[in-house]
Amino acid sequence: MSAFVLVEVNIQDPAVYEEYKKLTPGSVVAYGGKFVIRGNPVTVLEGAWEYDRMVLIEFPSKEIALEWYNSKEYVAARKIRENAASANFFIVG
């Protein structure tokens, strides 16, 4: 069963965040994932949206999504992101 990684992002350093964006797609594909949503804009229908960016990634399973998140490839990218943005990550499914 598919699982989705939902990410809410606030970007503090756009230049560094661009470096992160270059590294992430290869790691996602290596784990059978694909981007469903990658970016903006978000149209709020109810409630409030207080983030700069939303990302939704589909993986074949929750286990594979966790493998990706903890992989050496993504951990390296994540360290770059941590210097450029704050983010909330969720797995659904």
N, C-alpha and C. Protein backbone atom coordinates (compact mmCIF):
# COMPACT_ATOMS: atom_id res chain seq x y z
N MET A 1 0.83 -1.18 0.00
CA MET A 1 0.00 0.00 0.00
C MET A 1 0.88 1.25 0.00
N SER A 2 0.55 2.20 -0.84
CA SER A 2 1.33 3.43 -0.91
C SER A 2 1.31 4.19 0.40
N ALA A 3 2.38 4.93 0.62
CA ALA A 3 2.47 5.85 1.74
C ALA A 3 2.94 7.18 1.19
N PHE A 4 2.53 8.24 1.85
CA PHE A 4 2.85 9.59 1.39
C PHE A 4 3.63 10.32 2.46
N VAL A 5 4.68 11.01 2.05
CA VAL A 5 5.41 11.90 2.94
C VAL A 5 4.93 13.31 2.62
N LEU A 6 4.35 13.94 3.62
CA LEU A 6 3.86 15.31 3.51
C LEU A 6 4.82 16.21 4.25
N VAL A 7 5.24 17.29 3.59
CA VAL A 7 6.22 18.20 4.18
C VAL A 7 5.71 19.63 4.10
N GLU A 8 5.80 20.34 5.21
CA GLU A 8 5.50 21.77 5.28
C GLU A 8 6.83 22.47 5.53
N VAL A 9 7.13 23.48 4.74
CA VAL A 9 8.46 24.10 4.79
C VAL A 9 8.36 25.62 4.92
N ASN A 10 9.20 26.18 5.77
CA ASN A 10 9.45 27.62 5.80
C ASN A 10 10.92 27.83 5.49
N ILE A 11 11.19 28.63 4.48
CA ILE A 11 12.55 28.82 3.97
C ILE A 11 13.15 30.11 4.53
N GLN A 12 14.32 29.96 5.16
CA GLN A 12 15.04 31.12 5.67
C GLN A 12 16.18 31.56 4.74
N ASP A 13 16.77 30.61 4.02
CA ASP A 13 17.89 30.92 3.12
C ASP A 13 17.61 30.28 1.76
N PRO A 14 16.99 31.03 0.85
CA PRO A 14 16.60 30.46 -0.45
C PRO A 14 17.76 29.90 -1.27
N ALA A 15 18.92 30.51 -1.22
CA ALA A 15 20.06 30.03 -2.01
C ALA A 15 20.50 28.64 -1.53
N VAL A 16 20.61 28.46 -0.25
CA VAL A 16 21.00 27.15 0.29
C VAL A 16 19.89 26.13 0.05
N TYR A 17 18.65 26.57 0.16
CA TYR A 17 17.52 25.65 -0.07
C TYR A 17 17.53 25.14 -1.51
N GLU A 18 17.96 25.94 -2.46
CA GLU A 18 18.07 25.49 -3.85
C GLU A 18 19.05 24.33 -3.97
N GLU A 19 20.13 24.35 -3.18
CA GLU A 19 21.08 23.24 -3.18
C GLU A 19 20.41 21.96 -2.68
N TYR A 20 19.62 22.07 -1.64
CA TYR A 20 18.87 20.94 -1.11
C TYR A 20 17.93 20.39 -2.19
N LYS A 21 17.23 21.27 -2.88
CA LYS A 21 16.28 20.85 -3.91
C LYS A 21 16.96 20.08 -5.04
N LYS A 22 18.22 20.35 -5.29
CA LYS A 22 18.95 19.63 -6.34
C LYS A 22 19.29 18.21 -5.90
N LEU A 23 19.51 17.99 -4.61
CA LEU A 23 19.92 16.68 -4.11
C LEU A 23 18.75 15.73 -3.85
N THR A 24 17.62 16.26 -3.51
CA THR A 24 16.51 15.42 -3.05
C THR A 24 15.92 14.51 -4.13
N PRO A 25 15.68 14.96 -5.36
CA PRO A 25 15.00 14.09 -6.34
C PRO A 25 15.70 12.75 -6.57
N GLY A 26 17.00 12.74 -6.66
CA GLY A 26 17.72 11.48 -6.89
C GLY A 26 17.51 10.50 -5.76
N SER A 27 17.48 11.01 -4.53
CA SER A 27 17.27 10.11 -3.39
C SER A 27 15.85 9.57 -3.37
N VAL A 28 14.89 10.39 -3.75
CA VAL A 28 13.48 9.95 -3.80
C VAL A 28 13.32 8.84 -4.83
N VAL A 29 13.83 9.04 -6.03
CA VAL A 29 13.70 8.06 -7.10
C VAL A 29 14.39 6.74 -6.73
N ALA A 30 15.53 6.82 -6.05
CA ALA A 30 16.27 5.63 -5.66
C ALA A 30 15.46 4.72 -4.74
N TYR A 31 14.46 5.26 -4.08
CA TYR A 31 13.61 4.48 -3.18
C TYR A 31 12.20 4.27 -3.75
N GLY A 32 12.07 4.43 -5.05
CA GLY A 32 10.80 4.18 -5.71
C GLY A 32 9.75 5.24 -5.48
N GLY A 33 10.20 6.42 -5.02
CA GLY A 33 9.26 7.50 -4.74
C GLY A 33 9.06 8.40 -5.93
N LYS A 34 7.98 9.18 -5.85
CA LYS A 34 7.74 10.19 -6.87
C LYS A 34 7.07 11.39 -6.22
N PHE A 35 7.43 12.56 -6.70
CA PHE A 35 6.82 13.80 -6.21
C PHE A 35 5.41 13.92 -6.78
N VAL A 36 4.46 14.18 -5.91
CA VAL A 36 3.09 14.43 -6.31
C VAL A 36 2.86 15.94 -6.32
N ILE A 37 3.36 16.61 -5.29
CA ILE A 37 3.30 18.07 -5.17
C ILE A 37 4.69 18.53 -4.76
N ARG A 38 5.16 19.57 -5.40
CA ARG A 38 6.48 20.10 -5.05
C ARG A 38 6.46 21.60 -5.26
N GLY A 39 5.98 22.34 -4.25
CA GLY A 39 6.05 23.78 -4.38
C GLY A 39 4.82 24.52 -3.92
N ASN A 40 4.49 25.53 -4.64
CA ASN A 40 3.45 26.49 -4.32
C ASN A 40 2.55 26.63 -5.53
N PRO A 41 1.53 27.36 -5.49
CA PRO A 41 0.94 27.98 -4.31
C PRO A 41 -0.07 27.04 -3.66
N VAL A 42 -0.35 27.28 -2.41
CA VAL A 42 -1.39 26.57 -1.69
C VAL A 42 -2.58 27.51 -1.58
N THR A 43 -3.75 27.05 -1.94
CA THR A 43 -4.97 27.82 -1.80
C THR A 43 -5.70 27.32 -0.56
N VAL A 44 -5.85 28.16 0.41
CA VAL A 44 -6.50 27.79 1.67
C VAL A 44 -8.00 27.86 1.49
N LEU A 45 -8.67 26.77 1.76
CA LEU A 45 -10.12 26.72 1.71
C LEU A 45 -10.73 26.89 3.10
N GLU A 46 -10.06 26.34 4.11
CA GLU A 46 -10.48 26.49 5.51
C GLU A 46 -9.22 26.53 6.36
N GLY A 47 -9.27 27.24 7.46
CA GLY A 47 -8.12 27.29 8.35
C GLY A 47 -7.07 28.26 7.86
N ALA A 48 -5.83 27.98 8.26
CA ALA A 48 -4.72 28.88 7.92
C ALA A 48 -3.54 28.07 7.38
N TRP A 49 -2.82 28.66 6.48
CA TRP A 49 -1.60 28.08 5.94
C TRP A 49 -0.48 29.05 6.24
N GLU A 50 0.52 28.63 6.97
CA GLU A 50 1.58 29.53 7.41
C GLU A 50 2.96 29.06 6.97
N TYR A 51 3.03 28.42 5.82
CA TYR A 51 4.29 27.88 5.32
C TYR A 51 4.59 28.43 3.94
N ASP A 52 5.85 28.34 3.55
CA ASP A 52 6.27 28.82 2.24
C ASP A 52 6.06 27.78 1.14
N ARG A 53 6.07 26.51 1.53
CA ARG A 53 6.12 25.45 0.52
C ARG A 53 5.50 24.17 1.06
N MET A 54 4.85 23.43 0.18
CA MET A 54 4.33 22.11 0.52
C MET A 54 4.90 21.09 -0.46
N VAL A 55 5.26 19.93 0.07
CA VAL A 55 5.77 18.84 -0.75
C VAL A 55 5.00 17.57 -0.37
N LEU A 56 4.62 16.80 -1.36
CA LEU A 56 3.97 15.51 -1.13
C LEU A 56 4.68 14.49 -2.01
N ILE A 57 5.22 13.45 -1.36
CA ILE A 57 5.96 12.41 -2.08
C ILE A 57 5.28 11.07 -1.85
N GLU A 58 5.06 10.32 -2.91
CA GLU A 58 4.47 9.00 -2.80
C GLU A 58 5.56 7.93 -2.84
N PHE A 59 5.48 6.99 -1.91
CA PHE A 59 6.40 5.84 -1.87
C PHE A 59 5.57 4.56 -1.92
N PRO A 60 6.19 3.45 -2.32
CA PRO A 60 5.45 2.18 -2.39
C PRO A 60 4.88 1.71 -1.05
N SER A 61 5.54 2.07 0.06
CA SER A 61 5.07 1.64 1.38
C SER A 61 5.63 2.57 2.45
N LYS A 62 5.07 2.47 3.64
CA LYS A 62 5.57 3.24 4.78
C LYS A 62 7.01 2.84 5.10
N GLU A 63 7.31 1.55 5.02
CA GLU A 63 8.65 1.06 5.33
C GLU A 63 9.68 1.67 4.38
N ILE A 64 9.33 1.74 3.10
CA ILE A 64 10.27 2.31 2.12
C ILE A 64 10.40 3.81 2.34
N ALA A 65 9.31 4.49 2.67
CA ALA A 65 9.39 5.93 2.98
C ALA A 65 10.34 6.17 4.14
N LEU A 66 10.27 5.34 5.17
CA LEU A 66 11.18 5.48 6.31
C LEU A 66 12.62 5.17 5.92
N GLU A 67 12.81 4.16 5.06
CA GLU A 67 14.17 3.86 4.56
C GLU A 67 14.74 5.06 3.84
N TRP A 68 13.93 5.69 2.98
CA TRP A 68 14.39 6.89 2.27
C TRP A 68 14.77 7.99 3.25
N TYR A 69 13.88 8.29 4.19
CA TYR A 69 14.11 9.40 5.13
C TYR A 69 15.40 9.19 5.92
N ASN A 70 15.73 7.95 6.23
CA ASN A 70 16.93 7.65 7.01
C ASN A 70 18.12 7.23 6.17
N SER A 71 18.00 7.29 4.84
CA SER A 71 19.09 6.87 3.96
C SER A 71 20.25 7.86 4.01
N LYS A 72 21.43 7.36 3.71
CA LYS A 72 22.60 8.25 3.73
C LYS A 72 22.46 9.37 2.69
N GLU A 73 21.81 9.06 1.55
CA GLU A 73 21.63 10.08 0.52
C GLU A 73 20.73 11.21 1.01
N TYR A 74 19.61 10.83 1.63
CA TYR A 74 18.72 11.89 2.08
C TYR A 74 19.23 12.57 3.33
N VAL A 75 19.89 11.86 4.22
CA VAL A 75 20.45 12.50 5.42
C VAL A 75 21.43 13.60 5.03
N ALA A 76 22.23 13.37 3.99
CA ALA A 76 23.16 14.40 3.52
C ALA A 76 22.40 15.62 3.03
N ALA A 77 21.33 15.40 2.26
CA ALA A 77 20.52 16.52 1.78
C ALA A 77 19.82 17.21 2.94
N ARG A 78 19.32 16.41 3.89
CA ARG A 78 18.60 16.96 5.04
C ARG A 78 19.47 17.92 5.85
N LYS A 79 20.75 17.59 5.99
CA LYS A 79 21.67 18.47 6.73
C LYS A 79 21.79 19.84 6.05
N ILE A 80 21.76 19.86 4.73
CA ILE A 80 21.77 21.13 4.00
C ILE A 80 20.47 21.88 4.25
N ARG A 81 19.34 21.16 4.16
CA ARG A 81 18.04 21.79 4.39
C ARG A 81 17.95 22.40 5.78
N GLU A 82 18.48 21.73 6.77
CA GLU A 82 18.40 22.22 8.14
C GLU A 82 19.10 23.57 8.32
N ASN A 83 20.03 23.89 7.43
CA ASN A 83 20.70 25.19 7.46
C ASN A 83 19.96 26.26 6.65
N ALA A 84 18.90 25.84 5.96
CA ALA A 84 18.20 26.77 5.08
C ALA A 84 16.72 26.92 5.39
N ALA A 85 16.14 25.95 6.09
CA ALA A 85 14.70 25.96 6.27
C ALA A 85 14.29 25.16 7.50
N SER A 86 13.11 25.46 7.99
CA SER A 86 12.49 24.61 9.01
C SER A 86 11.38 23.83 8.31
N ALA A 87 11.16 22.59 8.77
CA ALA A 87 10.17 21.76 8.08
C ALA A 87 9.50 20.80 9.06
N ASN A 88 8.29 20.44 8.71
CA ASN A 88 7.54 19.38 9.40
C ASN A 88 7.36 18.25 8.40
N PHE A 89 7.71 17.04 8.79
CA PHE A 89 7.56 15.86 7.94
C PHE A 89 6.56 14.91 8.57
N PHE A 90 5.66 14.36 7.74
CA PHE A 90 4.66 13.40 8.20
C PHE A 90 4.60 12.26 7.21
N ILE A 91 4.37 11.05 7.69
CA ILE A 91 4.06 9.93 6.81
C ILE A 91 2.59 9.60 7.00
N VAL A 92 1.89 9.51 5.88
CA VAL A 92 0.47 9.15 5.89
C VAL A 92 0.32 7.86 5.09
N GLY A 93 -0.28 6.88 5.70
CA GLY A 93 -0.51 5.62 5.00
C GLY A 93 0.25 4.48 5.61
